[in-house]
Amino acid sequence: MSITIANITFNDVEYDAEYDVLYLNANHPGEAVGYDDTPEGHNVGWNTAGEIVAIALLHPRSILAEHGKVAITLPQHVAVDAATLDQALATAA
């Protein structure tokens, strides 16, 4: 399964239902060398070239239930709709 957000395809997707965290990795999970928190409380990982290679969405199921989309600020603000995340969140349901 893969998920594309802001023209970045994350091909390593894992959902932790117990803690409601969706881990998204592009290419290899260990490629990130630095992490930043977004204003919304998610985590974004960067590689040595400054490219986004990982995102941890915190509480996506709860946020989708309340707002219908998950907001995340990358270099630009992005709203990820339920249709994009539903399959990943359902894998652990």
N, C-alpha and C. Protein backbone atom coordinates (compact mmCIF):
# COMPACT_ATOMS: atom_id res chain seq x y z
N MET A 1 0.83 -1.16 0.00
CA MET A 1 0.00 0.00 0.00
C MET A 1 0.88 1.24 0.00
N SER A 2 0.44 2.27 -0.68
CA SER A 2 1.15 3.54 -0.67
C SER A 2 0.14 4.67 -0.52
N ILE A 3 0.62 5.76 0.03
CA ILE A 3 -0.19 6.96 0.23
C ILE A 3 0.61 8.14 -0.31
N THR A 4 -0.03 8.99 -1.09
CA THR A 4 0.63 10.17 -1.63
C THR A 4 0.06 11.42 -0.96
N ILE A 5 0.95 12.21 -0.39
CA ILE A 5 0.59 13.47 0.25
C ILE A 5 1.55 14.53 -0.26
N ALA A 6 1.02 15.62 -0.77
CA ALA A 6 1.84 16.73 -1.28
C ALA A 6 2.87 16.25 -2.29
N ASN A 7 2.46 15.39 -3.20
CA ASN A 7 3.31 14.84 -4.27
C ASN A 7 4.46 13.98 -3.75
N ILE A 8 4.35 13.50 -2.51
CA ILE A 8 5.35 12.58 -1.96
C ILE A 8 4.64 11.25 -1.75
N THR A 9 5.17 10.20 -2.36
CA THR A 9 4.57 8.88 -2.20
C THR A 9 5.27 8.14 -1.08
N PHE A 10 4.49 7.76 -0.10
CA PHE A 10 4.98 7.00 1.04
C PHE A 10 4.60 5.54 0.79
N ASN A 11 5.60 4.69 0.58
CA ASN A 11 5.34 3.30 0.23
C ASN A 11 5.52 2.34 1.39
N ASP A 12 5.89 2.84 2.54
CA ASP A 12 5.99 2.03 3.75
C ASP A 12 5.03 2.66 4.75
N VAL A 13 3.87 2.02 4.94
CA VAL A 13 2.78 2.59 5.73
C VAL A 13 2.45 1.63 6.87
N GLU A 14 2.43 2.14 8.08
CA GLU A 14 2.10 1.29 9.24
C GLU A 14 1.23 2.10 10.20
N TYR A 15 0.13 1.48 10.62
CA TYR A 15 -0.78 2.14 11.55
C TYR A 15 -0.75 1.43 12.89
N ASP A 16 -0.54 2.18 13.96
CA ASP A 16 -0.57 1.67 15.32
C ASP A 16 -1.93 2.06 15.91
N ALA A 17 -2.87 1.11 15.89
CA ALA A 17 -4.22 1.39 16.34
C ALA A 17 -4.30 1.68 17.82
N GLU A 18 -3.45 1.05 18.61
CA GLU A 18 -3.50 1.26 20.06
C GLU A 18 -3.24 2.72 20.42
N TYR A 19 -2.26 3.34 19.76
CA TYR A 19 -1.91 4.73 20.05
C TYR A 19 -2.42 5.71 19.01
N ASP A 20 -3.10 5.21 17.97
CA ASP A 20 -3.65 6.03 16.90
C ASP A 20 -2.56 6.89 16.27
N VAL A 21 -1.53 6.21 15.74
CA VAL A 21 -0.43 6.87 15.05
C VAL A 21 -0.24 6.19 13.70
N LEU A 22 -0.20 6.99 12.64
CA LEU A 22 0.04 6.47 11.30
C LEU A 22 1.45 6.87 10.87
N TYR A 23 2.29 5.86 10.64
CA TYR A 23 3.69 6.08 10.24
C TYR A 23 3.78 5.95 8.73
N LEU A 24 4.29 6.97 8.07
CA LEU A 24 4.46 7.00 6.62
C LEU A 24 5.93 7.20 6.30
N ASN A 25 6.48 6.29 5.49
CA ASN A 25 7.88 6.41 5.10
C ASN A 25 8.00 6.29 3.58
N ALA A 26 8.77 7.18 3.00
CA ALA A 26 9.10 7.10 1.58
C ALA A 26 10.46 6.41 1.50
N ASN A 27 10.60 5.49 0.61
CA ASN A 27 11.84 4.76 0.42
C ASN A 27 12.18 3.94 1.66
N HIS A 28 13.26 4.24 2.34
CA HIS A 28 13.71 3.44 3.47
C HIS A 28 13.46 4.18 4.77
N PRO A 29 12.82 3.50 5.75
CA PRO A 29 12.48 4.18 7.01
C PRO A 29 13.67 4.81 7.72
N GLY A 30 14.85 4.26 7.61
CA GLY A 30 16.01 4.80 8.31
C GLY A 30 16.67 5.96 7.60
N GLU A 31 16.10 6.41 6.50
CA GLU A 31 16.71 7.47 5.70
C GLU A 31 16.62 8.86 6.36
N ALA A 32 15.67 9.05 7.25
CA ALA A 32 15.50 10.37 7.89
C ALA A 32 16.66 10.64 8.84
N VAL A 33 17.21 11.83 8.73
CA VAL A 33 18.33 12.23 9.60
C VAL A 33 17.91 13.33 10.58
N GLY A 34 16.75 13.89 10.38
CA GLY A 34 16.26 14.93 11.27
C GLY A 34 14.75 14.94 11.27
N TYR A 35 14.18 15.37 12.37
CA TYR A 35 12.72 15.42 12.51
C TYR A 35 12.30 16.78 13.04
N ASP A 36 11.15 17.23 12.59
CA ASP A 36 10.55 18.47 13.07
C ASP A 36 9.09 18.19 13.42
N ASP A 37 8.58 18.92 14.38
CA ASP A 37 7.15 18.86 14.70
C ASP A 37 6.44 19.90 13.86
N THR A 38 5.25 19.55 13.41
CA THR A 38 4.43 20.51 12.68
C THR A 38 3.59 21.30 13.69
N PRO A 39 3.03 22.42 13.29
CA PRO A 39 2.16 23.17 14.20
C PRO A 39 0.96 22.35 14.70
N GLU A 40 0.58 21.34 13.92
CA GLU A 40 -0.56 20.50 14.29
C GLU A 40 -0.17 19.37 15.24
N GLY A 41 1.13 19.20 15.49
CA GLY A 41 1.59 18.16 16.41
C GLY A 41 2.05 16.88 15.77
N HIS A 42 2.13 16.83 14.44
CA HIS A 42 2.64 15.65 13.75
C HIS A 42 4.16 15.75 13.67
N ASN A 43 4.81 14.69 13.22
CA ASN A 43 6.27 14.68 13.08
C ASN A 43 6.63 14.45 11.62
N VAL A 44 7.61 15.21 11.12
CA VAL A 44 8.06 15.10 9.74
C VAL A 44 9.56 14.81 9.75
N GLY A 45 9.97 13.80 8.98
CA GLY A 45 11.38 13.43 8.89
C GLY A 45 11.98 13.86 7.56
N TRP A 46 13.24 14.33 7.61
CA TRP A 46 13.95 14.86 6.45
C TRP A 46 15.20 14.02 6.20
N ASN A 47 15.59 13.89 4.93
CA ASN A 47 16.85 13.22 4.62
C ASN A 47 17.96 14.27 4.49
N THR A 48 19.16 13.83 4.15
CA THR A 48 20.30 14.76 4.07
C THR A 48 20.13 15.79 2.95
N ALA A 49 19.30 15.50 1.96
CA ALA A 49 19.04 16.45 0.87
C ALA A 49 17.93 17.43 1.22
N GLY A 50 17.35 17.32 2.42
CA GLY A 50 16.28 18.22 2.83
C GLY A 50 14.91 17.82 2.32
N GLU A 51 14.78 16.59 1.82
CA GLU A 51 13.50 16.11 1.31
C GLU A 51 12.73 15.41 2.43
N ILE A 52 11.42 15.55 2.40
CA ILE A 52 10.58 14.85 3.37
C ILE A 52 10.57 13.37 3.02
N VAL A 53 10.94 12.53 3.99
CA VAL A 53 10.96 11.09 3.75
C VAL A 53 10.12 10.31 4.77
N ALA A 54 9.59 11.00 5.79
CA ALA A 54 8.78 10.31 6.79
C ALA A 54 7.82 11.29 7.44
N ILE A 55 6.65 10.77 7.77
CA ILE A 55 5.66 11.54 8.52
C ILE A 55 5.02 10.60 9.53
N ALA A 56 4.86 11.07 10.75
CA ALA A 56 4.07 10.36 11.75
C ALA A 56 2.86 11.24 12.05
N LEU A 57 1.70 10.75 11.64
CA LEU A 57 0.45 11.47 11.90
C LEU A 57 -0.08 11.01 13.25
N LEU A 58 -0.18 11.92 14.20
CA LEU A 58 -0.63 11.59 15.53
C LEU A 58 -2.15 11.75 15.62
N HIS A 59 -2.82 10.70 16.02
CA HIS A 59 -4.28 10.66 16.22
C HIS A 59 -5.08 10.90 14.94
N PRO A 60 -4.68 10.31 13.81
CA PRO A 60 -5.40 10.58 12.56
C PRO A 60 -6.85 10.10 12.59
N ARG A 61 -7.11 8.94 13.20
CA ARG A 61 -8.48 8.44 13.23
C ARG A 61 -9.37 9.39 14.03
N SER A 62 -8.89 9.85 15.15
CA SER A 62 -9.66 10.79 15.98
C SER A 62 -9.89 12.11 15.24
N ILE A 63 -8.86 12.60 14.59
CA ILE A 63 -8.96 13.87 13.86
C ILE A 63 -9.93 13.74 12.70
N LEU A 64 -9.85 12.63 11.96
CA LEU A 64 -10.77 12.41 10.84
C LEU A 64 -12.21 12.34 11.33
N ALA A 65 -12.43 11.67 12.45
CA ALA A 65 -13.79 11.56 12.99
C ALA A 65 -14.36 12.93 13.36
N GLU A 66 -13.51 13.80 13.85
CA GLU A 66 -13.97 15.11 14.29
C GLU A 66 -14.03 16.14 13.16
N HIS A 67 -13.02 16.12 12.26
CA HIS A 67 -12.90 17.18 11.25
C HIS A 67 -13.06 16.71 9.80
N GLY A 68 -13.00 15.40 9.55
CA GLY A 68 -13.14 14.89 8.19
C GLY A 68 -11.87 14.98 7.36
N LYS A 69 -10.81 15.55 7.92
CA LYS A 69 -9.52 15.63 7.24
C LYS A 69 -8.45 15.85 8.30
N VAL A 70 -7.22 15.54 7.92
CA VAL A 70 -6.08 15.75 8.81
C VAL A 70 -5.24 16.87 8.21
N ALA A 71 -5.08 17.95 8.94
CA ALA A 71 -4.26 19.07 8.48
C ALA A 71 -2.81 18.81 8.87
N ILE A 72 -1.91 19.14 7.98
CA ILE A 72 -0.48 19.00 8.28
C ILE A 72 0.28 20.07 7.52
N THR A 73 1.14 20.76 8.20
CA THR A 73 1.96 21.79 7.58
C THR A 73 3.30 21.18 7.22
N LEU A 74 3.55 21.12 5.94
CA LEU A 74 4.85 20.69 5.42
C LEU A 74 5.51 22.00 4.99
N PRO A 75 6.20 22.06 3.89
CA PRO A 75 6.58 23.41 3.46
C PRO A 75 5.34 24.26 3.18
N GLN A 76 4.25 23.61 2.79
CA GLN A 76 2.98 24.29 2.61
C GLN A 76 1.94 23.54 3.43
N HIS A 77 0.80 24.18 3.68
CA HIS A 77 -0.27 23.55 4.45
C HIS A 77 -0.99 22.54 3.55
N VAL A 78 -1.23 21.34 4.07
CA VAL A 78 -1.89 20.28 3.32
C VAL A 78 -3.03 19.73 4.16
N ALA A 79 -4.16 19.45 3.54
CA ALA A 79 -5.26 18.77 4.20
C ALA A 79 -5.41 17.41 3.56
N VAL A 80 -5.27 16.37 4.35
CA VAL A 80 -5.36 14.99 3.86
C VAL A 80 -6.75 14.48 4.19
N ASP A 81 -7.51 14.11 3.15
CA ASP A 81 -8.88 13.69 3.39
C ASP A 81 -8.97 12.23 3.82
N ALA A 82 -10.14 11.86 4.29
CA ALA A 82 -10.36 10.52 4.81
C ALA A 82 -10.10 9.45 3.75
N ALA A 83 -10.49 9.71 2.51
CA ALA A 83 -10.31 8.71 1.45
C ALA A 83 -8.84 8.34 1.27
N THR A 84 -7.94 9.28 1.50
CA THR A 84 -6.51 9.02 1.36
C THR A 84 -6.00 8.10 2.47
N LEU A 85 -6.53 8.24 3.67
CA LEU A 85 -6.02 7.51 4.83
C LEU A 85 -6.84 6.28 5.21
N ASP A 86 -8.07 6.15 4.72
CA ASP A 86 -8.96 5.08 5.16
C ASP A 86 -8.35 3.69 5.08
N GLN A 87 -7.73 3.35 3.96
CA GLN A 87 -7.18 2.00 3.79
C GLN A 87 -6.10 1.71 4.82
N ALA A 88 -5.22 2.66 5.07
CA ALA A 88 -4.15 2.46 6.04
C ALA A 88 -4.70 2.31 7.45
N LEU A 89 -5.70 3.11 7.79
CA LEU A 89 -6.27 3.05 9.12
C LEU A 89 -7.09 1.78 9.33
N ALA A 90 -7.65 1.26 8.25
CA ALA A 90 -8.48 0.06 8.35
C ALA A 90 -7.64 -1.21 8.53
N THR A 91 -6.38 -1.17 8.16
CA THR A 91 -5.56 -2.38 8.24
C THR A 91 -5.41 -2.89 9.66
N ALA A 92 -5.54 -2.03 10.64
CA ALA A 92 -5.37 -2.44 12.03
C ALA A 92 -6.71 -2.48 12.77
N ALA A 93 -7.79 -2.20 12.07
CA ALA A 93 -9.11 -2.15 12.74
C ALA A 93 -9.57 -3.52 13.14
